[in-house]
Amino acid sequence: MESERPEPLDDPESERLAKDRRLARGLRVAARRSLVLARRYREEEGPGGARETACVRQALAYRAAARHLGAERPGLARTTPDRAARGANRQTG
């Protein structure tokens, strides 16, 4: 059976970008899994339990790491704090 590792690219910059995209994809998958666990823990313990809180914090850390890589997929990015503030101003004003 052949390895599922992609062939290296000729351009080092392209190789780094491809590696960052793969890493970001893995981080997003890990974040989703953490949130699935958080939901299960919420059902077991009720809202605000220690395990649920830890899972949510870990999911946020994974998402932040994926964003830091600059490989966030268009259309799936969460609202930034400045956008949320602008939206709140429109609703109240």
N, C-alpha and C. Protein backbone atom coordinates (compact mmCIF):
# COMPACT_ATOMS: atom_id res chain seq x y z
N MET A 1 0.84 -1.18 0.00
CA MET A 1 0.00 0.00 0.00
C MET A 1 0.88 1.24 0.00
N GLU A 2 0.56 2.20 -0.86
CA GLU A 2 1.36 3.40 -0.95
C GLU A 2 1.00 4.38 0.16
N SER A 3 1.97 5.21 0.50
CA SER A 3 1.75 6.24 1.51
C SER A 3 0.78 7.28 0.98
N GLU A 4 -0.01 7.85 1.87
CA GLU A 4 -0.95 8.89 1.47
C GLU A 4 -0.32 10.26 1.55
N ARG A 5 0.95 10.31 1.78
CA ARG A 5 1.67 11.58 1.85
C ARG A 5 1.79 12.16 0.44
N PRO A 6 1.42 13.43 0.24
CA PRO A 6 1.50 14.01 -1.10
C PRO A 6 2.94 14.16 -1.58
N GLU A 7 3.10 14.17 -2.88
CA GLU A 7 4.42 14.37 -3.48
C GLU A 7 4.94 15.76 -3.13
N PRO A 8 6.22 15.89 -2.80
CA PRO A 8 6.77 17.23 -2.52
C PRO A 8 6.73 18.10 -3.78
N LEU A 9 6.50 19.37 -3.57
CA LEU A 9 6.47 20.33 -4.67
C LEU A 9 7.88 20.85 -4.93
N ASP A 10 8.09 21.37 -6.13
CA ASP A 10 9.41 21.90 -6.49
C ASP A 10 9.71 23.21 -5.78
N ASP A 11 8.69 24.02 -5.59
CA ASP A 11 8.86 25.34 -4.99
C ASP A 11 8.73 25.24 -3.47
N PRO A 12 9.76 25.65 -2.71
CA PRO A 12 9.68 25.55 -1.25
C PRO A 12 8.53 26.36 -0.65
N GLU A 13 8.24 27.52 -1.23
CA GLU A 13 7.14 28.34 -0.71
C GLU A 13 5.80 27.64 -0.93
N SER A 14 5.62 27.05 -2.08
CA SER A 14 4.38 26.30 -2.36
C SER A 14 4.26 25.11 -1.43
N GLU A 15 5.37 24.44 -1.17
CA GLU A 15 5.36 23.29 -0.26
C GLU A 15 4.96 23.73 1.15
N ARG A 16 5.50 24.87 1.60
CA ARG A 16 5.15 25.37 2.93
C ARG A 16 3.67 25.73 3.00
N LEU A 17 3.15 26.39 1.96
CA LEU A 17 1.74 26.75 1.94
C LEU A 17 0.84 25.52 1.94
N ALA A 18 1.24 24.52 1.17
CA ALA A 18 0.45 23.28 1.13
C ALA A 18 0.47 22.59 2.50
N LYS A 19 1.62 22.59 3.13
CA LYS A 19 1.73 21.99 4.47
C LYS A 19 0.87 22.75 5.47
N ASP A 20 0.88 24.08 5.39
CA ASP A 20 0.05 24.90 6.28
C ASP A 20 -1.43 24.62 6.07
N ARG A 21 -1.84 24.45 4.81
CA ARG A 21 -3.24 24.14 4.53
C ARG A 21 -3.64 22.79 5.12
N ARG A 22 -2.76 21.79 4.98
CA ARG A 22 -3.05 20.46 5.55
C ARG A 22 -3.14 20.54 7.07
N LEU A 23 -2.22 21.27 7.67
CA LEU A 23 -2.23 21.43 9.12
C LEU A 23 -3.49 22.16 9.58
N ALA A 24 -3.86 23.22 8.89
CA ALA A 24 -5.06 23.98 9.24
C ALA A 24 -6.30 23.10 9.11
N ARG A 25 -6.36 22.28 8.07
CA ARG A 25 -7.49 21.37 7.89
C ARG A 25 -7.58 20.41 9.08
N GLY A 26 -6.46 19.87 9.51
CA GLY A 26 -6.44 18.98 10.67
C GLY A 26 -6.87 19.69 11.95
N LEU A 27 -6.47 20.94 12.10
CA LEU A 27 -6.86 21.71 13.28
C LEU A 27 -8.36 21.98 13.28
N ARG A 28 -8.93 22.26 12.10
CA ARG A 28 -10.38 22.47 12.03
C ARG A 28 -11.15 21.20 12.36
N VAL A 29 -10.64 20.05 11.90
CA VAL A 29 -11.27 18.76 12.23
C VAL A 29 -11.21 18.53 13.74
N ALA A 30 -10.06 18.81 14.34
CA ALA A 30 -9.91 18.63 15.78
C ALA A 30 -10.86 19.55 16.55
N ALA A 31 -11.04 20.78 16.06
CA ALA A 31 -11.95 21.72 16.71
C ALA A 31 -13.38 21.19 16.67
N ARG A 32 -13.79 20.67 15.51
CA ARG A 32 -15.15 20.12 15.41
C ARG A 32 -15.34 18.93 16.35
N ARG A 33 -14.34 18.08 16.45
CA ARG A 33 -14.43 16.93 17.37
C ARG A 33 -14.53 17.40 18.82
N SER A 34 -13.79 18.43 19.16
CA SER A 34 -13.86 18.96 20.52
C SER A 34 -15.26 19.48 20.82
N LEU A 35 -15.89 20.12 19.85
CA LEU A 35 -17.23 20.65 20.07
C LEU A 35 -18.26 19.52 20.17
N VAL A 36 -18.05 18.44 19.43
CA VAL A 36 -18.95 17.28 19.56
C VAL A 36 -18.86 16.73 20.98
N LEU A 37 -17.64 16.61 21.49
CA LEU A 37 -17.47 16.13 22.87
C LEU A 37 -18.10 17.10 23.87
N ALA A 38 -17.94 18.39 23.62
CA ALA A 38 -18.52 19.39 24.53
C ALA A 38 -20.03 19.23 24.60
N ARG A 39 -20.66 18.97 23.46
CA ARG A 39 -22.12 18.78 23.45
C ARG A 39 -22.51 17.54 24.25
N ARG A 40 -21.74 16.48 24.08
CA ARG A 40 -22.03 15.25 24.85
C ARG A 40 -21.87 15.50 26.35
N TYR A 41 -20.82 16.19 26.73
CA TYR A 41 -20.60 16.47 28.15
C TYR A 41 -21.70 17.37 28.70
N ARG A 42 -22.19 18.30 27.87
CA ARG A 42 -23.29 19.17 28.30
C ARG A 42 -24.53 18.34 28.59
N GLU A 43 -24.81 17.35 27.75
CA GLU A 43 -25.96 16.47 27.97
C GLU A 43 -25.80 15.67 29.26
N GLU A 44 -24.57 15.23 29.56
CA GLU A 44 -24.32 14.43 30.75
C GLU A 44 -24.32 15.26 32.04
N GLU A 45 -23.62 16.39 32.00
CA GLU A 45 -23.38 17.17 33.22
C GLU A 45 -24.26 18.40 33.36
N GLY A 46 -24.87 18.82 32.28
CA GLY A 46 -25.57 20.09 32.28
C GLY A 46 -24.64 21.19 31.79
N PRO A 47 -25.20 22.35 31.47
CA PRO A 47 -24.39 23.45 30.92
C PRO A 47 -23.32 23.94 31.90
N GLY A 48 -22.16 24.27 31.34
CA GLY A 48 -21.10 24.88 32.13
C GLY A 48 -20.25 23.92 32.93
N GLY A 49 -20.33 22.62 32.63
CA GLY A 49 -19.50 21.65 33.33
C GLY A 49 -18.03 21.82 32.99
N ALA A 50 -17.18 21.25 33.83
CA ALA A 50 -15.74 21.40 33.64
C ALA A 50 -15.26 20.77 32.33
N ARG A 51 -15.76 19.58 32.01
CA ARG A 51 -15.32 18.92 30.78
C ARG A 51 -15.82 19.67 29.54
N GLU A 52 -17.06 20.15 29.58
CA GLU A 52 -17.60 20.92 28.45
C GLU A 52 -16.76 22.18 28.24
N THR A 53 -16.49 22.90 29.31
CA THR A 53 -15.71 24.13 29.23
C THR A 53 -14.31 23.87 28.67
N ALA A 54 -13.68 22.79 29.11
CA ALA A 54 -12.34 22.46 28.62
C ALA A 54 -12.36 22.15 27.12
N CYS A 55 -13.39 21.44 26.68
CA CYS A 55 -13.50 21.12 25.25
C CYS A 55 -13.70 22.37 24.40
N VAL A 56 -14.53 23.27 24.87
CA VAL A 56 -14.78 24.51 24.13
C VAL A 56 -13.50 25.34 24.07
N ARG A 57 -12.79 25.44 25.17
CA ARG A 57 -11.51 26.19 25.16
C ARG A 57 -10.53 25.57 24.18
N GLN A 58 -10.46 24.24 24.14
CA GLN A 58 -9.55 23.57 23.23
C GLN A 58 -9.96 23.82 21.78
N ALA A 59 -11.26 23.78 21.50
CA ALA A 59 -11.74 24.05 20.15
C ALA A 59 -11.36 25.46 19.71
N LEU A 60 -11.51 26.43 20.61
CA LEU A 60 -11.12 27.80 20.29
C LEU A 60 -9.63 27.91 20.01
N ALA A 61 -8.82 27.18 20.77
CA ALA A 61 -7.37 27.18 20.54
C ALA A 61 -7.03 26.58 19.17
N TYR A 62 -7.71 25.47 18.82
CA TYR A 62 -7.47 24.88 17.50
C TYR A 62 -7.86 25.83 16.39
N ARG A 63 -9.00 26.49 16.52
CA ARG A 63 -9.44 27.44 15.49
C ARG A 63 -8.48 28.62 15.38
N ALA A 64 -8.00 29.11 16.51
CA ALA A 64 -7.05 30.23 16.49
C ALA A 64 -5.76 29.81 15.79
N ALA A 65 -5.30 28.59 16.05
CA ALA A 65 -4.08 28.10 15.40
C ALA A 65 -4.29 27.99 13.90
N ALA A 66 -5.45 27.50 13.47
CA ALA A 66 -5.74 27.39 12.04
C ALA A 66 -5.78 28.78 11.41
N ARG A 67 -6.39 29.74 12.09
CA ARG A 67 -6.45 31.11 11.58
C ARG A 67 -5.05 31.71 11.49
N HIS A 68 -4.21 31.42 12.47
CA HIS A 68 -2.84 31.95 12.50
C HIS A 68 -2.04 31.46 11.28
N LEU A 69 -2.34 30.26 10.83
CA LEU A 69 -1.66 29.74 9.64
C LEU A 69 -2.08 30.48 8.38
N GLY A 70 -3.16 31.24 8.47
CA GLY A 70 -3.63 31.99 7.32
C GLY A 70 -4.32 31.13 6.28
N ALA A 71 -4.77 29.98 6.70
CA ALA A 71 -5.38 29.06 5.75
C ALA A 71 -6.87 28.92 6.02
N GLU A 72 -7.48 29.92 6.57
CA GLU A 72 -8.93 29.87 6.84
C GLU A 72 -9.66 29.81 5.52
N ARG A 73 -10.62 28.94 5.43
CA ARG A 73 -11.36 28.79 4.18
C ARG A 73 -12.39 29.91 4.06
N PRO A 74 -12.50 30.53 2.90
CA PRO A 74 -13.49 31.59 2.71
C PRO A 74 -14.90 31.07 2.97
N GLY A 75 -15.69 31.88 3.63
CA GLY A 75 -17.07 31.51 3.89
C GLY A 75 -17.28 30.75 5.17
N LEU A 76 -16.22 30.23 5.76
CA LEU A 76 -16.35 29.48 7.00
C LEU A 76 -15.75 30.20 8.19
N ALA A 77 -15.18 31.35 7.97
CA ALA A 77 -14.58 32.11 9.06
C ALA A 77 -15.67 32.66 9.97
N ARG A 78 -15.38 32.68 11.23
CA ARG A 78 -16.32 33.24 12.20
C ARG A 78 -16.23 34.76 12.16
N THR A 79 -17.26 35.40 12.65
CA THR A 79 -17.28 36.86 12.71
C THR A 79 -16.16 37.35 13.61
N THR A 80 -15.49 38.39 13.16
CA THR A 80 -14.43 38.99 13.96
C THR A 80 -15.06 39.94 14.97
N PRO A 81 -14.37 40.26 16.07
CA PRO A 81 -14.95 41.15 17.08
C PRO A 81 -15.36 42.51 16.52
N ASP A 82 -14.58 43.07 15.58
CA ASP A 82 -14.96 44.38 15.04
C ASP A 82 -16.23 44.29 14.19
N ARG A 83 -16.44 43.20 13.49
CA ARG A 83 -17.68 43.02 12.74
C ARG A 83 -18.86 42.86 13.68
N ALA A 84 -18.67 42.11 14.75
CA ALA A 84 -19.75 41.92 15.72
C ALA A 84 -20.14 43.26 16.34
N ALA A 85 -19.15 44.10 16.64
CA ALA A 85 -19.43 45.41 17.23
C ALA A 85 -20.19 46.30 16.24
N ARG A 86 -19.82 46.24 14.97
CA ARG A 86 -20.52 47.05 13.97
C ARG A 86 -21.97 46.58 13.85
N GLY A 87 -22.17 45.28 13.90
CA GLY A 87 -23.54 44.74 13.82
C GLY A 87 -24.37 45.15 15.02
N ALA A 88 -23.77 45.16 16.20
CA ALA A 88 -24.48 45.56 17.41
C ALA A 88 -24.85 47.04 17.34
N ASN A 89 -23.95 47.86 16.78
CA ASN A 89 -24.24 49.29 16.65
C ASN A 89 -25.41 49.53 15.70
N ARG A 90 -25.50 48.75 14.65
CA ARG A 90 -26.59 48.91 13.70
C ARG A 90 -27.93 48.53 14.33
N GLN A 91 -27.94 47.52 15.19
CA GLN A 91 -29.16 47.06 15.79
C GLN A 91 -29.68 48.06 16.85
N THR A 92 -28.76 48.69 17.55
CA THR A 92 -29.17 49.59 18.61
C THR A 92 -29.42 51.00 18.12
N GLY A 93 -28.86 51.32 16.95
CA GLY A 93 -28.93 52.69 16.46
C GLY A 93 -30.00 53.00 15.55
